[in-house]
Amino acid sequence: MATGIIHSGACGFTIHVKAVSDGSQFDSRRSKLIKLEITSDCPNYQKIANELTEVDAYKEILNKLHTGKVYEIFAKYSPHPSCPGVSGILKTVEVAAGLALPQNASISVTK
């Protein structure tokens, strides 16, 4: 299991992600299902959470950028393409699948 907390920035919304692996070992010939629980005070992510409840980690992480289910659903409901929520969800999926180590990531923007 992996959890992620994404603070989206100026909008003030927070996204909480819980990702649970189906327990299978890494094998690029099979799928690795990850169950997702997403909660947020963002109305767009509430819609995303209703639809994005399970993903195949291999298809999300090992395919071309913007081709997976996470991006497809994100594009459907979020009007803000630079929202860090989508990358935070993918990073949490990656860790739950055992494809990455659990390390913090951040974006700092100044002017």
Protein backbone atom coordinates (compact mmCIF):
# COMPACT_ATOMS: atom_id res chain seq x y z
CA MET A 1 0.00 0.00 0.00
CA ALA A 2 1.10 3.55 -0.67
CA THR A 3 -0.45 6.88 0.26
CA GLY A 4 0.03 10.26 -1.30
CA ILE A 5 -1.00 13.74 -0.23
CA ILE A 6 -0.91 16.36 -2.97
CA HIS A 7 -1.23 20.05 -2.15
CA SER A 8 -2.24 21.55 -5.46
CA GLY A 9 -1.08 25.12 -4.94
CA ALA A 10 -2.87 28.44 -5.26
CA CYS A 11 -6.32 26.83 -5.44
CA GLY A 12 -5.78 25.52 -1.90
CA PHE A 13 -7.17 22.06 -2.65
CA THR A 14 -5.62 18.88 -1.31
CA ILE A 15 -5.82 15.41 -2.85
CA HIS A 16 -5.39 12.26 -0.74
CA VAL A 17 -4.57 9.02 -2.54
CA LYS A 18 -4.50 5.50 -1.16
CA ALA A 19 -3.20 2.87 -3.57
CA VAL A 20 -3.31 -0.84 -2.77
CA SER A 21 -1.59 -3.49 -4.89
CA ASP A 22 -3.21 -6.80 -5.77
CA GLY A 23 -0.06 -8.46 -4.43
CA SER A 24 1.26 -9.96 -7.66
CA GLN A 25 5.00 -9.88 -8.36
CA PHE A 26 6.55 -7.78 -11.14
CA ASP A 27 6.01 -9.49 -14.49
CA SER A 28 5.73 -7.33 -17.60
CA ARG A 29 3.53 -9.97 -19.30
CA ARG A 30 0.70 -9.53 -16.80
CA SER A 31 -1.25 -6.73 -15.29
CA LYS A 32 -0.70 -5.37 -11.80
CA LEU A 33 -3.98 -4.03 -10.54
CA ILE A 34 -3.94 -1.16 -8.08
CA LYS A 35 -7.10 -0.22 -6.19
CA LEU A 36 -7.41 3.53 -5.64
CA GLU A 37 -9.20 5.58 -3.03
CA ILE A 38 -9.01 9.28 -3.84
CA THR A 39 -10.51 11.99 -1.66
CA SER A 40 -10.29 15.72 -2.18
CA ASP A 41 -11.97 19.00 -1.43
CA CYS A 42 -11.56 19.83 -5.15
CA PRO A 43 -14.85 19.33 -7.01
CA ASN A 44 -12.97 18.15 -10.11
CA TYR A 45 -11.07 15.49 -8.17
CA GLN A 46 -14.28 14.35 -6.52
CA LYS A 47 -15.49 13.46 -10.03
CA ILE A 48 -12.15 11.85 -10.85
CA ALA A 49 -12.35 9.81 -7.64
CA ASN A 50 -15.75 8.42 -8.56
CA GLU A 51 -14.42 7.04 -11.85
CA LEU A 52 -10.77 6.27 -11.06
CA THR A 53 -11.03 3.36 -8.63
CA GLU A 54 -8.62 0.85 -10.19
CA VAL A 55 -5.74 0.95 -12.66
CA ASP A 56 -3.23 -1.42 -14.19
CA ALA A 57 0.08 -0.05 -12.90
CA TYR A 58 2.06 -1.43 -15.85
CA LYS A 59 -0.17 0.30 -18.39
CA GLU A 60 -0.03 3.57 -16.45
CA ILE A 61 3.70 3.67 -15.68
CA LEU A 62 5.36 1.76 -18.52
CA ASN A 63 3.47 3.22 -21.51
CA LYS A 64 3.83 6.53 -23.32
CA LEU A 65 3.04 9.76 -21.48
CA HIS A 66 -0.64 10.78 -21.50
CA THR A 67 -1.91 7.42 -22.77
CA GLY A 68 -3.17 5.79 -19.58
CA LYS A 69 -6.47 5.69 -17.76
CA VAL A 70 -5.32 8.26 -15.16
CA TYR A 71 -4.64 10.89 -17.85
CA GLU A 72 -7.81 10.00 -19.74
CA ILE A 73 -10.02 10.55 -16.70
CA PHE A 74 -8.03 13.60 -15.57
CA ALA A 75 -8.52 15.24 -19.00
CA LYS A 76 -12.24 14.54 -18.80
CA TYR A 77 -12.78 16.38 -15.51
CA SER A 78 -9.94 18.80 -14.84
CA PRO A 79 -9.75 22.14 -16.65
CA HIS A 80 -6.25 22.80 -15.29
CA PRO A 81 -3.53 20.85 -17.17
CA SER A 82 -0.72 21.91 -14.83
CA CYS A 83 -2.40 20.51 -11.71
CA PRO A 84 0.15 18.36 -9.87
CA GLY A 85 -2.59 15.97 -8.74
CA VAL A 86 -2.28 13.74 -11.78
CA SER A 87 1.46 13.21 -11.30
CA GLY A 88 0.91 12.65 -7.58
CA ILE A 89 -1.64 9.93 -8.30
CA LEU A 90 0.73 8.26 -10.76
CA LYS A 91 3.65 8.44 -8.33
CA THR A 92 1.51 6.82 -5.62
CA VAL A 93 0.45 4.04 -8.03
CA GLU A 94 4.09 3.50 -8.99
CA VAL A 95 5.12 3.04 -5.35
CA ALA A 96 2.18 0.74 -4.55
CA ALA A 97 3.15 -1.44 -7.51
CA GLY A 98 6.76 -1.69 -6.35
CA LEU A 99 8.02 0.18 -9.42
CA ALA A 100 9.52 3.07 -7.41
CA LEU A 101 10.73 3.85 -3.92
CA PRO A 102 8.56 6.01 -1.68
CA GLN A 103 10.28 9.39 -1.86
CA ASN A 104 8.81 12.87 -1.51
CA ALA A 105 8.59 15.08 -4.57
CA SER A 106 7.88 18.79 -4.62
CA ILE A 107 7.42 21.80 -6.88
CA SER A 108 8.49 25.23 -5.67
CA VAL A 109 7.47 28.23 -7.73
CA THR A 110 8.71 31.76 -7.08
CA LYS A 111 8.55 35.07 -8.88
